């Protein structure tokens, strides 16, 4: 099977009519820190700032004159859309791009600048895909799939052809590849494993969008109930049929990483290249870092695909907040101290010569004060544990909130000032698609039945809005409230057992 795909990849040299051969840049800062030789394959330097141009152009260049005259259509959250739009302009083909309404503005503007017709439809890729497929059938347009197509996969496979030519030594240990629908890793895996089967091909997915990881574990493609959208470039519920078939033969493993680890990788890329990767662009590097930590390898040549740089500027606020946590350079602690003069000074003396990155407190009790403190770390999880133990030995009750999603998203901005226990209060986190009128719609849903006792919303520049909400629900309404939550259709998490609730919010 692999020889057929390798032939297709070798025939895909036509992609260089619009794409460029991107450099394989050494990352000296990362290499020193990780004690390995780290290289970044700079696909963020393509004309559309993403590798997607390769597959889109390779597919469209194979269309006959009749298919070209009828035009093409694609569904995409952005990067594939830009690849199709630029390819269509170069080939003189009329292109329609269906994009979810939640697509970052920078990607919408870029696609429009290439001359494609844009239709915003639905709040997810699946909804945009369904609409595009109907239009393709009714209008006779060719549907350009972002990953489940052999010609698209062959175009993406030219990335591997370049890597093996650019890194001519025989010491390449592993290539780390971001995985969404699977087109990129299928092309890279087929080419690399056919020529050098000893080189590891390792996929990387967000832990909240692990469709390839789940498929390989199950031995068949599975459809995830929902996926996270921070790493929007790989937010795919089900991998493609063709990529999965190739991945089963060519992928050594798939590593899962957190949002914080991705944010840390974005910072790492910036420090070595002075470029800003989108979350999907930094995904492979986040997996590389986790692999090095897990395996303890040293002085090996490792390549991470920097797959794209189409990031909304306002999303950088969220990235900056989470990068220090992802690198375990910041610890978030909930600490109880006595409510009396000099307590804060004594607490700071206990911390020693350590930078305090955040300190949230407001009076709420005559005896004790609950504070939320951020501290600069240099020794990772072990240093965090040692600090917490030292504080407890000094008489301070401590809870480590560094991995607590509610604490990181909301509680750090809300500490103190609560009125005490509120009868029947239930605390829930909600997510809803971020678009004009969405917050008002959410409030209209939530406020029609029960009293809202707490409300916190912050726009992080992401595709989904996040709300922390306290709702007073009398015991007699428990079943009706559960039915209501199921009915409204928002993703939600009830925080009944979250220690942040008892310490800070009631």
Protein backbone atom coordinates (compact mmCIF):
# COMPACT_ATOMS: atom_id res chain seq x y z
CA UNK A 1 0.00 0.00 0.00
CA UNK A 2 2.72 2.49 0.96
CA UNK A 3 4.52 2.39 -2.38
CA UNK A 4 1.36 3.72 -4.08
CA UNK A 5 1.22 6.70 -1.75
CA UNK A 6 4.94 7.37 -2.12
CA UNK A 7 4.50 7.52 -5.90
CA UNK A 8 1.65 10.00 -5.46
CA UNK A 9 3.79 12.12 -3.15
CA UNK A 10 6.67 12.15 -5.65
CA UNK A 11 4.20 13.20 -8.37
CA UNK A 12 2.90 16.02 -6.13
CA UNK A 13 5.85 18.29 -6.92
CA UNK A 14 3.30 20.47 -8.69
CA UNK A 15 2.50 21.96 -5.27
CA UNK A 16 5.58 24.18 -5.62
CA UNK A 17 3.73 26.21 -8.23
CA UNK A 18 2.12 27.97 -5.24
CA UNK A 19 3.71 26.50 -2.09
CA UNK A 20 7.30 26.95 -1.00
CA UNK A 21 9.85 24.55 0.44
CA UNK A 22 9.91 25.65 4.05
CA UNK A 23 13.05 25.62 6.20
CA UNK A 24 13.86 23.07 8.87
CA UNK A 25 15.06 25.50 11.52
CA UNK A 26 17.06 24.51 14.60
CA UNK A 27 15.58 25.66 17.92
CA UNK A 28 18.68 26.45 20.01
CA UNK A 29 16.93 27.59 23.19
CA UNK A 30 14.67 24.54 23.26
CA UNK A 31 17.55 22.25 22.39
CA UNK A 32 19.55 23.46 25.38
CA UNK A 33 16.60 23.18 27.76
CA UNK A 34 15.55 19.72 26.58
CA UNK A 35 19.10 18.36 26.06
CA UNK A 36 18.20 17.22 22.54
CA UNK A 37 18.55 18.65 19.04
CA UNK A 38 15.16 20.17 18.26
CA UNK A 39 14.13 21.28 14.77
CA UNK A 40 10.98 23.12 13.67
CA UNK A 41 9.53 22.49 10.20
CA UNK A 42 8.31 25.99 9.43
CA UNK A 43 5.02 25.46 7.61
CA UNK A 44 3.86 28.74 9.16
CA UNK A 45 5.97 30.41 6.43
CA UNK A 46 3.75 29.22 3.57
CA UNK A 47 1.90 31.90 1.54
CA UNK A 48 -1.26 31.07 3.55
CA UNK A 49 0.71 30.59 6.79
CA UNK A 50 -0.22 26.88 6.91
CA UNK A 51 0.70 23.55 5.32
CA UNK A 52 -2.86 23.21 3.96
CA UNK A 53 -1.93 24.88 0.68
CA UNK A 54 -0.04 21.72 -0.33
CA UNK A 55 -2.96 19.30 -0.24
CA UNK A 56 -5.54 21.74 -1.58
CA UNK A 57 -3.46 22.67 -4.61
CA UNK A 58 -2.40 19.10 -5.38
CA UNK A 59 -6.04 18.02 -5.46
CA UNK A 60 -7.30 20.96 -7.51
CA UNK A 61 -4.47 20.73 -10.04
CA UNK A 62 -5.70 17.22 -10.97
CA UNK A 63 -9.21 18.38 -11.90
CA UNK A 64 -10.15 18.14 -15.57
CA UNK A 65 -11.45 21.12 -17.57
CA UNK A 66 -15.13 20.26 -17.02
CA UNK A 67 -14.71 20.01 -13.25
CA UNK A 68 -12.79 23.27 -13.21
CA UNK A 69 -15.53 25.03 -15.14
CA UNK A 70 -18.15 23.97 -12.57
CA UNK A 71 -16.11 25.31 -9.68
CA UNK A 72 -15.16 23.90 -6.31
CA UNK A 73 -16.51 24.11 -2.77
CA UNK A 74 -14.92 23.41 0.59
CA UNK A 75 -15.84 23.48 4.28
CA UNK A 76 -13.17 24.75 6.64
CA UNK A 77 -12.53 26.65 9.85
CA UNK A 78 -9.80 28.58 8.08
CA UNK A 79 -6.49 27.06 7.02
CA UNK A 80 -7.84 24.65 4.41
CA UNK A 81 -10.12 27.43 3.23
CA UNK A 82 -7.16 29.70 2.55
CA UNK A 83 -5.37 26.89 0.70
CA UNK A 84 -8.39 26.27 -1.53
CA UNK A 85 -8.94 30.00 -2.13
CA UNK A 86 -5.34 30.68 -3.16
CA UNK A 87 -5.23 27.53 -5.32
CA UNK A 88 -8.48 28.54 -7.02
CA UNK A 89 -7.13 32.00 -7.80
CA UNK A 90 -3.94 30.53 -9.27
CA UNK A 91 -5.82 27.96 -11.37
CA UNK A 92 -8.67 30.28 -12.42
CA UNK A 93 -11.37 28.21 -10.69
CA UNK A 94 -14.46 29.67 -9.00
CA UNK A 95 -14.42 28.70 -5.30
CA UNK A 96 -17.03 28.79 -2.54
CA UNK A 97 -15.89 28.32 1.06
CA UNK A 98 -18.37 27.43 3.79
CA UNK A 99 -17.02 28.41 7.22
CA UNK A 100 -18.53 28.05 10.71
CA UNK A 101 -19.80 31.31 12.18
CA UNK A 102 -17.23 30.85 14.98
CA UNK A 103 -14.23 30.99 12.61
CA UNK A 104 -11.55 33.49 13.76
CA UNK A 105 -11.88 36.79 11.89
CA UNK A 106 -8.29 36.70 10.66
CA UNK A 107 -9.04 33.53 8.68
CA UNK A 108 -12.30 34.88 7.23
CA UNK A 109 -10.56 38.05 6.05
CA UNK A 110 -7.66 36.10 4.55
CA UNK A 111 -9.95 33.82 2.54
CA UNK A 112 -11.97 36.77 1.26
CA UNK A 113 -8.73 38.51 0.21
CA UNK A 114 -7.91 35.58 -2.10
CA UNK A 115 -11.16 36.15 -4.00
CA UNK A 116 -13.25 33.19 -2.83
CA UNK A 117 -16.95 33.49 -2.04
CA UNK A 118 -17.55 32.92 1.69
CA UNK A 119 -20.68 31.57 3.33
CA UNK A 120 -20.82 31.44 7.13
CA UNK A 121 -23.02 28.55 8.22
CA UNK A 122 -23.49 26.85 11.59
CA UNK A 123 -21.38 27.02 14.73
CA UNK A 124 -19.29 23.88 14.09
CA UNK A 125 -17.26 22.36 11.27
CA UNK A 126 -19.77 19.49 10.99
CA UNK A 127 -22.61 21.92 10.25
CA UNK A 128 -20.53 23.79 7.69
CA UNK A 129 -19.47 20.48 6.12
CA UNK A 130 -23.06 19.24 5.77
CA UNK A 131 -24.12 22.46 4.09
CA UNK A 132 -21.15 22.45 1.72
CA UNK A 133 -21.82 18.83 0.73
CA UNK A 134 -25.44 19.71 -0.19
CA UNK A 135 -24.31 22.66 -2.29
CA UNK A 136 -21.70 20.52 -4.03
CA UNK A 137 -24.37 18.02 -5.05
CA UNK A 138 -26.96 20.58 -6.14
CA UNK A 139 -24.53 22.85 -8.04
CA UNK A 140 -22.20 20.23 -9.52
CA UNK A 141 -19.16 21.67 -7.78
CA UNK A 142 -16.24 19.46 -6.76
CA UNK A 143 -15.94 19.13 -3.01
CA UNK A 144 -12.33 19.63 -1.87
CA UNK A 145 -12.00 17.61 1.32
CA UNK A 146 -9.51 18.93 3.89
CA UNK A 147 -8.01 15.53 4.69
CA UNK A 148 -9.96 12.44 3.53
CA UNK A 149 -8.66 12.37 -0.04
CA UNK A 150 -5.63 10.61 -1.52
CA UNK A 151 -4.48 13.60 -3.57
CA UNK A 152 -4.77 15.91 -0.56
CA UNK A 153 -2.78 13.43 1.53
CA UNK A 154 -0.11 13.22 -1.19
CA UNK A 155 0.22 16.98 -1.22
CA UNK A 156 0.71 17.06 2.53
CA UNK A 157 3.25 14.25 2.21
CA UNK A 158 5.65 16.60 0.44
CA UNK A 159 6.43 17.95 3.94
CA UNK A 160 8.10 14.63 4.75
CA UNK A 161 9.99 14.61 1.46
CA UNK A 162 11.52 17.97 2.40
CA UNK A 163 12.36 16.95 5.98
CA UNK A 164 14.27 13.86 4.92
CA UNK A 165 16.19 15.84 2.32
CA UNK A 166 16.94 18.72 4.72
CA UNK A 167 18.01 16.45 7.59
CA UNK A 168 20.42 14.26 5.68
CA UNK A 169 21.93 12.50 8.70
CA UNK A 170 20.94 9.04 9.86
CA UNK A 171 20.22 10.10 13.44
CA UNK A 172 16.66 11.45 13.08
CA UNK A 173 14.79 9.86 15.96
CA UNK A 174 11.20 11.08 15.57
CA UNK A 175 8.90 13.47 13.72
CA UNK A 176 6.01 14.95 15.72
CA UNK A 177 2.89 15.79 13.72
CA UNK A 178 -0.32 17.63 14.73
CA UNK A 179 -3.42 15.53 14.08
CA UNK A 180 -6.90 16.72 13.19
CA UNK A 181 -8.55 14.76 10.42
CA UNK A 182 -5.29 12.92 9.79
CA UNK A 183 -4.27 14.07 6.30
CA UNK A 184 -0.89 15.49 7.31
CA UNK A 185 0.22 12.55 9.45
CA UNK A 186 -0.99 10.10 6.81
CA UNK A 187 1.16 11.74 4.13
CA UNK A 188 4.20 12.09 6.38
CA UNK A 189 3.80 8.59 7.83
CA UNK A 190 3.49 6.87 4.46
CA UNK A 191 6.59 8.54 3.03
CA UNK A 192 8.80 8.22 6.10
CA UNK A 193 7.93 4.62 6.97
CA UNK A 194 8.42 3.46 3.38
CA UNK A 195 11.97 4.88 3.26
CA UNK A 196 13.11 4.86 6.89
CA UNK A 197 10.86 2.66 9.05
CA UNK A 198 13.13 3.15 12.08
CA UNK A 199 12.17 6.86 12.32
CA UNK A 200 9.25 7.29 14.67
CA UNK A 201 6.16 9.13 13.41
CA UNK A 202 4.29 10.42 16.44
CA UNK A 203 0.94 12.17 16.29
CA UNK A 204 -0.10 14.83 18.79
CA UNK A 205 -3.69 15.74 19.69
CA UNK A 206 -5.33 17.95 22.32
CA UNK A 207 -6.68 15.88 25.19
CA UNK A 208 -10.16 17.29 24.49
CA UNK A 209 -10.11 16.46 20.74
CA UNK A 210 -8.42 13.06 20.63
CA UNK A 211 -10.17 11.47 17.65
CA UNK A 212 -7.14 9.63 16.22
CA UNK A 213 -6.02 8.43 19.65
CA UNK A 214 -9.49 7.02 20.30
CA UNK A 215 -9.67 5.42 16.84
CA UNK A 216 -6.30 3.67 17.14
CA UNK A 217 -7.21 2.41 20.61
CA UNK A 218 -10.56 1.05 19.37
CA UNK A 219 -9.18 -0.39 16.12
CA UNK A 220 -11.80 1.54 14.16
CA UNK A 221 -12.87 5.12 13.57
CA UNK A 222 -14.97 6.53 16.38
CA UNK A 223 -17.01 9.71 16.54
CA UNK A 224 -16.40 11.88 19.60
CA UNK A 225 -19.46 13.34 21.31
CA UNK A 226 -17.82 16.75 21.41
CA UNK A 227 -14.40 18.33 20.97
CA UNK A 228 -12.62 21.27 22.54
CA UNK A 229 -12.15 24.30 20.32
CA UNK A 230 -9.08 26.07 21.68
CA UNK A 231 -6.88 24.17 19.19
CA UNK A 232 -9.42 24.93 16.49
CA UNK A 233 -7.23 23.80 13.60
CA UNK A 234 -7.54 20.15 14.72
CA UNK A 235 -11.01 20.21 16.30
CA UNK A 236 -12.32 17.17 14.39
CA UNK A 237 -14.80 14.67 15.85
CA UNK A 238 -13.83 11.81 13.54
CA UNK A 239 -10.64 11.19 11.59
CA UNK A 240 -10.84 10.51 7.88
CA UNK A 241 -11.28 6.99 6.53
CA UNK A 242 -8.18 7.06 4.31
CA UNK A 243 -5.92 8.75 6.90
CA UNK A 244 -6.98 6.23 9.55
CA UNK A 245 -6.16 3.31 7.26
CA UNK A 246 -2.65 4.71 6.68
CA UNK A 247 -2.16 5.71 10.34
CA UNK A 248 -2.81 2.16 11.56
CA UNK A 249 0.23 1.07 9.57
CA UNK A 250 2.51 4.10 9.85
CA UNK A 251 1.94 5.93 13.15
CA UNK A 252 3.94 4.77 16.17
CA UNK A 253 1.72 6.48 18.76
CA UNK A 254 -0.46 9.50 19.46
CA UNK A 255 0.39 11.74 22.42
CA UNK A 256 -2.27 13.85 24.14
CA UNK A 257 -1.50 17.29 25.56
CA UNK A 258 -3.40 19.93 27.53
CA UNK A 259 -4.35 23.49 26.62
CA UNK A 260 -1.71 24.77 29.04
CA UNK A 261 0.99 22.67 27.35
CA UNK A 262 -0.02 24.05 23.94
CA UNK A 263 0.19 27.62 25.27
CA UNK A 264 3.65 26.88 26.65
CA UNK A 265 4.72 25.54 23.24
CA UNK A 266 3.47 28.72 21.54
CA UNK A 267 5.74 30.66 23.88
CA UNK A 268 8.66 28.29 23.17
CA UNK A 269 8.31 28.81 19.41
CA UNK A 270 8.18 32.57 19.88
CA UNK A 271 11.33 32.59 21.99
CA UNK A 272 13.28 30.64 19.35
CA UNK A 273 11.82 32.12 16.15
CA UNK A 274 10.09 35.41 17.14
CA UNK A 275 7.02 34.09 15.33
CA UNK A 276 3.61 33.41 16.87
CA UNK A 277 2.16 29.97 16.12
CA UNK A 278 -1.55 29.27 16.25
CA UNK A 279 -2.53 26.60 18.80
CA UNK A 280 -2.55 23.84 16.17
CA UNK A 281 0.80 25.11 14.93
CA UNK A 282 2.40 24.55 18.34
CA UNK A 283 0.62 21.27 19.04
CA UNK A 284 3.41 19.02 17.74
CA UNK A 285 6.02 20.78 19.86
CA UNK A 286 3.87 20.32 22.96
CA UNK A 287 3.85 16.58 22.25
CA UNK A 288 7.59 16.55 21.64
CA UNK A 289 8.20 18.13 25.04
CA UNK A 290 5.98 15.58 26.77
CA UNK A 291 7.72 12.71 24.92
CA UNK A 292 11.20 13.92 25.97
CA UNK A 293 10.08 14.20 29.60
CA UNK A 294 8.47 10.75 29.52
CA UNK A 295 11.32 8.92 27.76
CA UNK A 296 14.27 10.78 29.29
CA UNK A 297 16.12 10.74 25.96
CA UNK A 298 19.16 12.97 25.34
CA UNK A 299 21.10 14.20 22.31
CA UNK A 300 18.60 12.92 19.74
CA UNK A 301 17.38 14.74 16.63
CA UNK A 302 13.66 15.52 16.94
CA UNK A 303 11.45 17.39 14.46
CA UNK A 304 8.16 19.13 15.27
CA UNK A 305 5.88 20.44 12.52
CA UNK A 306 5.06 24.11 13.12
CA UNK A 307 1.92 23.77 11.05
CA UNK A 308 0.41 27.25 11.03
CA UNK A 309 0.32 30.83 12.28
CA UNK A 310 -3.28 31.93 11.71
CA UNK A 311 -4.13 33.09 15.22
CA UNK A 312 -6.47 35.87 16.27
CA UNK A 313 -4.48 38.56 18.07
CA UNK A 314 -6.95 38.79 20.97
CA UNK A 315 -6.50 35.08 21.66
CA UNK A 316 -2.95 35.85 22.80
CA UNK A 317 -4.35 37.10 26.13
CA UNK A 318 -5.45 33.57 26.93
CA UNK A 319 -2.19 32.09 25.65
CA UNK A 320 -0.08 34.39 27.81
CA UNK A 321 -2.13 33.58 30.92
CA UNK A 322 -1.78 29.84 30.47
CA UNK A 323 1.76 29.52 29.12
CA UNK A 324 3.43 29.83 32.52
CA UNK A 325 1.14 27.11 33.91
CA UNK A 326 1.85 24.91 30.90
CA UNK A 327 5.58 25.22 31.53
CA UNK A 328 4.94 24.67 35.25
CA UNK A 329 6.57 28.03 35.92
CA UNK A 330 3.61 29.26 37.93
CA UNK A 331 1.73 27.68 40.81
CA UNK A 332 -1.78 28.72 41.83
CA UNK A 333 -2.51 28.06 45.50
CA UNK A 334 -5.56 28.55 47.70
CA UNK A 335 -4.27 29.37 51.18
CA UNK A 336 -6.11 30.11 54.42
CA UNK A 337 -4.40 32.65 56.70
CA UNK A 338 -5.52 34.28 59.99
CA UNK A 339 -7.49 37.49 59.61
CA UNK A 340 -5.30 39.77 61.70
CA UNK A 341 -2.65 42.48 61.15
CA UNK A 342 0.70 41.16 59.96
CA UNK A 343 -0.65 37.86 58.61
CA UNK A 344 0.12 38.66 54.99
CA UNK A 345 3.67 39.76 55.82
CA UNK A 346 4.29 36.53 57.77
CA UNK A 347 2.86 34.50 54.92
CA UNK A 348 5.18 36.21 52.41
CA UNK A 349 8.16 35.58 54.69
CA UNK A 350 7.26 31.89 54.72
CA UNK A 351 7.36 31.88 50.92
CA UNK A 352 10.96 33.12 50.95
CA UNK A 353 12.59 34.96 48.03
CA UNK A 354 9.98 33.97 45.47
CA UNK A 355 8.11 36.19 43.02
CA UNK A 356 4.38 36.49 43.67
CA UNK A 357 2.64 36.67 40.30
CA UNK A 358 -0.89 37.10 41.65
CA UNK A 359 -2.58 37.79 44.97
CA UNK A 360 -6.35 37.95 45.30
CA UNK A 361 -8.06 38.65 48.59
CA UNK A 362 -11.01 40.58 50.01
CA UNK A 363 -12.37 40.64 53.55
CA UNK A 364 -15.21 38.23 54.21
CA UNK A 365 -14.74 36.74 57.68
CA UNK A 366 -13.56 38.01 61.07
CA UNK A 367 -11.43 34.94 61.81
CA UNK A 368 -9.80 33.70 58.61
CA UNK A 369 -9.00 34.96 55.12
CA UNK A 370 -8.99 32.81 52.00
CA UNK A 371 -6.44 34.02 49.48
CA UNK A 372 -5.65 32.98 45.95
CA UNK A 373 -1.97 33.36 45.21
CA UNK A 374 0.14 32.85 42.09
CA UNK A 375 3.82 32.05 42.55
CA UNK A 376 6.71 31.85 40.13
CA UNK A 377 8.16 28.33 39.84
CA UNK A 378 11.38 26.99 38.37
CA UNK A 379 11.37 23.34 39.41
CA UNK A 380 8.05 22.08 38.01
CA UNK A 381 5.59 19.84 39.87
CA UNK A 382 8.14 18.71 42.47
CA UNK A 383 8.82 22.31 43.55
CA UNK A 384 5.08 22.93 43.76
CA UNK A 385 4.61 19.96 46.07
CA UNK A 386 7.57 20.96 48.25
CA UNK A 387 6.21 24.50 48.62
CA UNK A 388 2.74 23.28 49.56
CA UNK A 389 4.26 20.95 52.17
CA UNK A 390 6.33 23.81 53.61
CA UNK A 391 3.27 26.04 53.92
CA UNK A 392 1.26 23.29 55.62
CA UNK A 393 4.16 22.70 58.06
CA UNK A 394 3.97 26.43 58.91
CA UNK A 395 0.29 26.09 59.81
CA UNK A 396 -1.32 27.20 56.56
CA UNK A 397 -4.09 25.02 55.01
CA UNK A 398 -3.25 24.82 51.29
CA UNK A 399 -4.96 23.50 48.17
CA UNK A 400 -3.02 23.43 44.89
CA UNK A 401 -5.27 24.97 42.21
CA UNK A 402 -2.74 24.85 39.35
CA UNK A 403 -4.68 22.13 37.51
CA UNK A 404 -8.15 23.36 38.51
CA UNK A 405 -9.93 24.63 35.39
CA UNK A 406 -12.54 26.65 37.28
CA UNK A 407 -9.86 28.31 39.38
CA UNK A 408 -7.80 29.24 36.30
CA UNK A 409 -10.72 30.53 34.25
CA UNK A 410 -12.85 32.25 36.86
CA UNK A 411 -12.02 32.05 40.57
CA UNK A 412 -8.73 33.95 40.26
CA UNK A 413 -10.80 37.04 39.34
CA UNK A 414 -13.53 36.59 41.95
CA UNK A 415 -11.89 35.84 45.28
CA UNK A 416 -13.55 37.24 48.40
CA UNK A 417 -16.64 39.27 49.08
CA UNK A 418 -19.14 36.42 49.05
CA UNK A 419 -22.21 36.83 51.29
CA UNK A 420 -22.01 33.43 52.93
CA UNK A 421 -23.93 30.26 52.20
CA UNK A 422 -26.85 30.87 49.84
CA UNK A 423 -29.79 28.53 50.20
CA UNK A 424 -30.16 26.11 47.32
CA UNK A 425 -27.24 27.55 45.32
CA UNK A 426 -25.89 25.37 42.53
CA UNK A 427 -22.65 26.30 40.77
CA UNK A 428 -22.26 25.44 37.08
CA UNK A 429 -19.82 26.22 34.28
CA UNK A 430 -21.32 26.69 30.82
CA UNK A 431 -19.91 27.00 27.31
CA UNK A 432 -21.70 28.43 24.31
CA UNK A 433 -20.60 29.47 20.78
CA UNK A 434 -19.17 33.00 20.91
CA UNK A 435 -21.08 35.15 18.44
CA UNK A 436 -23.12 38.39 18.55
CA UNK A 437 -26.13 38.02 20.85
CA UNK A 438 -24.95 34.70 22.30
CA UNK A 439 -24.47 36.00 25.85
CA UNK A 440 -27.89 37.67 25.91
CA UNK A 441 -29.45 34.46 24.59
CA UNK A 442 -27.73 32.52 27.36
CA UNK A 443 -29.04 34.92 30.01
CA UNK A 444 -32.55 34.71 28.63
CA UNK A 445 -32.40 30.92 28.91
CA UNK A 446 -30.98 30.85 32.42
CA UNK A 447 -32.99 33.65 34.00
CA UNK A 448 -36.45 32.53 33.04
CA UNK A 449 -36.82 29.82 35.67
CA UNK A 450 -34.53 30.38 38.67
CA UNK A 451 -32.74 33.19 40.42
CA UNK A 452 -29.10 33.69 39.35
CA UNK A 453 -27.04 34.23 42.50
CA UNK A 454 -23.57 34.45 40.89
CA UNK A 455 -22.43 35.24 37.39
CA UNK A 456 -18.97 35.51 35.86
CA UNK A 457 -18.16 35.82 32.19
CA UNK A 458 -14.86 36.65 30.51
CA UNK A 459 -14.10 36.68 26.84
CA UNK A 460 -10.76 34.94 26.32
CA UNK A 461 -10.62 35.51 22.58
CA UNK A 462 -11.66 31.89 22.04
CA UNK A 463 -14.45 30.52 19.84
CA UNK A 464 -16.62 29.66 22.84
CA UNK A 465 -17.82 31.89 25.68
CA UNK A 466 -17.44 30.55 29.21
CA UNK A 467 -19.70 31.42 32.13
CA UNK A 468 -19.57 30.53 35.81
CA UNK A 469 -23.08 30.73 37.19
CA UNK A 470 -24.66 30.29 40.63
CA UNK A 471 -28.33 29.31 40.43
CA UNK A 472 -30.74 29.00 43.37
CA UNK A 473 -32.65 25.75 42.97
CA UNK A 474 -35.10 24.71 45.72
CA UNK A 475 -34.97 21.00 46.63
CA UNK A 476 -38.39 20.46 45.07
CA UNK A 477 -37.04 21.66 41.70
CA UNK A 478 -34.07 19.28 41.45
CA UNK A 479 -35.54 17.02 38.77
CA UNK A 480 -36.93 19.92 36.76
CA UNK A 481 -33.55 21.67 36.91
CA UNK A 482 -31.75 18.56 35.62
CA UNK A 483 -34.24 18.33 32.74
CA UNK A 484 -33.74 22.02 32.01
CA UNK A 485 -29.95 21.63 31.76
CA UNK A 486 -30.38 18.80 29.28
CA UNK A 487 -32.91 20.78 27.25
CA UNK A 488 -31.01 24.03 26.67
CA UNK A 489 -28.19 22.31 24.79
CA UNK A 490 -25.19 24.13 26.30
CA UNK A 491 -22.10 22.20 27.35
CA UNK A 492 -21.98 22.41 31.15
CA UNK A 493 -20.17 21.08 34.21
CA UNK A 494 -21.69 21.19 37.67
CA UNK A 495 -19.10 22.17 40.28
CA UNK A 496 -20.75 20.53 43.28
CA UNK A 497 -17.51 18.85 44.46
CA UNK A 498 -15.04 21.56 43.43
CA UNK A 499 -13.01 22.81 46.44
CA UNK A 500 -12.89 26.28 44.88
CA UNK A 501 -16.63 26.55 45.53
CA UNK A 502 -16.47 25.96 49.26
CA UNK A 503 -13.38 28.14 49.76
CA UNK A 504 -14.24 31.18 47.70
CA UNK A 505 -17.76 31.26 46.35
CA UNK A 506 -20.13 30.54 49.20
